[in-house]
Amino acid sequence: MSPSPFAYLRIGLVVPRYGHSAVDRNRLKRRMREIVRCELLGTVRAEDLVIWARPPAYDASFIDLQLALRRLRDRIAEQSNPSTGS
């Protein structure tokens, strides 16, 4: 994550093949984009963020992906506001 020159969050999704078909990759990208749209946009300060899908993401349910991205959102929020940390 790095500061964005823009006034909004920019997110890049990287979904490597890991031996999966284009259909599988596109499905995973669509699922991740929807979760990012609902969970991250508007809740995280203006940053440039790249999310790299790991091989287990292909087999994860929508709920599992959603929980993983919520944890990411929470970690970003903790880094943004260190006074609430330990």
Protein backbone atom coordinates (compact mmCIF):
# COMPACT_ATOMS: atom_id res chain seq x y z
CA MET A 1 0.00 0.00 0.00
CA SER A 2 1.25 3.46 -0.83
CA PRO A 3 -0.19 6.98 -0.75
CA SER A 4 -2.30 7.80 -3.79
CA PRO A 5 -1.83 11.00 -5.78
CA PHE A 6 -5.62 11.02 -6.10
CA ALA A 7 -8.26 11.81 -3.48
CA TYR A 8 -9.67 8.30 -3.54
CA LEU A 9 -8.66 4.68 -3.01
CA ARG A 10 -7.31 2.89 -6.08
CA ILE A 11 -7.22 -0.90 -6.03
CA GLY A 12 -5.52 -3.32 -8.38
CA LEU A 13 -6.44 -7.00 -8.36
CA VAL A 14 -3.85 -9.56 -9.43
CA VAL A 15 -5.25 -13.02 -10.12
CA PRO A 16 -2.50 -15.33 -11.43
CA ARG A 17 -3.38 -18.48 -13.34
CA TYR A 18 -2.08 -21.04 -10.84
CA GLY A 19 -3.13 -23.66 -13.40
CA HIS A 20 -6.75 -22.48 -13.58
CA SER A 21 -8.76 -21.60 -16.68
CA ALA A 22 -9.70 -18.11 -17.83
CA VAL A 23 -13.27 -18.82 -16.69
CA ASP A 24 -12.04 -19.57 -13.15
CA ARG A 25 -9.84 -16.46 -13.08
CA ASN A 26 -12.61 -14.20 -14.34
CA ARG A 27 -15.07 -15.62 -11.79
CA LEU A 28 -12.59 -14.98 -8.97
CA LYS A 29 -11.92 -11.43 -10.22
CA ARG A 30 -15.65 -10.66 -10.39
CA ARG A 31 -16.17 -11.97 -6.86
CA MET A 32 -13.22 -9.99 -5.51
CA ARG A 33 -14.31 -6.78 -7.29
CA GLU A 34 -17.79 -7.04 -5.78
CA ILE A 35 -16.40 -7.58 -2.29
CA VAL A 36 -13.94 -4.70 -2.69
CA ARG A 37 -16.77 -2.45 -3.90
CA CYS A 38 -18.94 -3.31 -0.88
CA GLU A 39 -16.29 -3.64 1.84
CA LEU A 40 -13.37 -1.33 1.02
CA LEU A 41 -14.51 1.58 -1.12
CA GLY A 42 -15.38 4.56 1.01
CA THR A 43 -13.97 3.01 4.18
CA VAL A 44 -10.24 3.29 3.52
CA ARG A 45 -8.29 6.49 3.02
CA ALA A 46 -6.82 7.48 -0.34
CA GLU A 47 -4.16 4.86 -1.01
CA ASP A 48 -2.98 2.71 -3.89
CA LEU A 49 -3.60 -0.91 -2.91
CA VAL A 50 -2.75 -4.09 -4.81
CA ILE A 51 -4.50 -7.30 -3.77
CA TRP A 52 -2.80 -10.48 -4.95
CA ALA A 53 -5.01 -13.58 -4.98
CA ARG A 54 -3.37 -16.69 -3.55
CA PRO A 55 -4.08 -20.21 -4.88
CA PRO A 56 -6.60 -21.08 -2.11
CA ALA A 57 -8.78 -18.14 -3.25
CA TYR A 58 -9.96 -20.21 -6.21
CA ASP A 59 -11.60 -22.75 -3.89
CA ALA A 60 -12.83 -20.27 -1.28
CA SER A 61 -16.51 -19.50 -0.92
CA PHE A 62 -17.79 -15.95 -1.40
CA ILE A 63 -18.18 -15.64 2.38
CA ASP A 64 -14.58 -16.78 2.95
CA LEU A 65 -13.29 -14.22 0.46
CA GLN A 66 -15.46 -11.57 2.09
CA LEU A 67 -14.07 -12.37 5.54
CA ALA A 68 -10.49 -12.27 4.24
CA LEU A 69 -11.02 -8.85 2.66
CA ARG A 70 -12.70 -7.57 5.83
CA ARG A 71 -9.60 -8.61 7.79
CA LEU A 72 -7.52 -6.74 5.23
CA ARG A 73 -9.74 -3.67 5.65
CA ASP A 74 -9.31 -3.87 9.43
CA ARG A 75 -5.52 -4.17 9.13
CA ILE A 76 -5.44 -1.15 6.84
CA ALA A 77 -7.54 0.81 9.33
CA GLU A 78 -5.15 -0.14 12.17
CA GLN A 79 -2.16 1.05 10.14
CA SER A 80 -3.97 4.28 9.31
CA ASN A 81 -4.73 4.99 12.96
CA PRO A 82 -1.82 3.73 15.09
CA SER A 83 -3.17 5.36 18.24
CA THR A 84 -5.83 2.63 18.53
CA GLY A 85 -3.23 -0.18 18.30
CA SER A 86 -1.50 -1.95 21.22
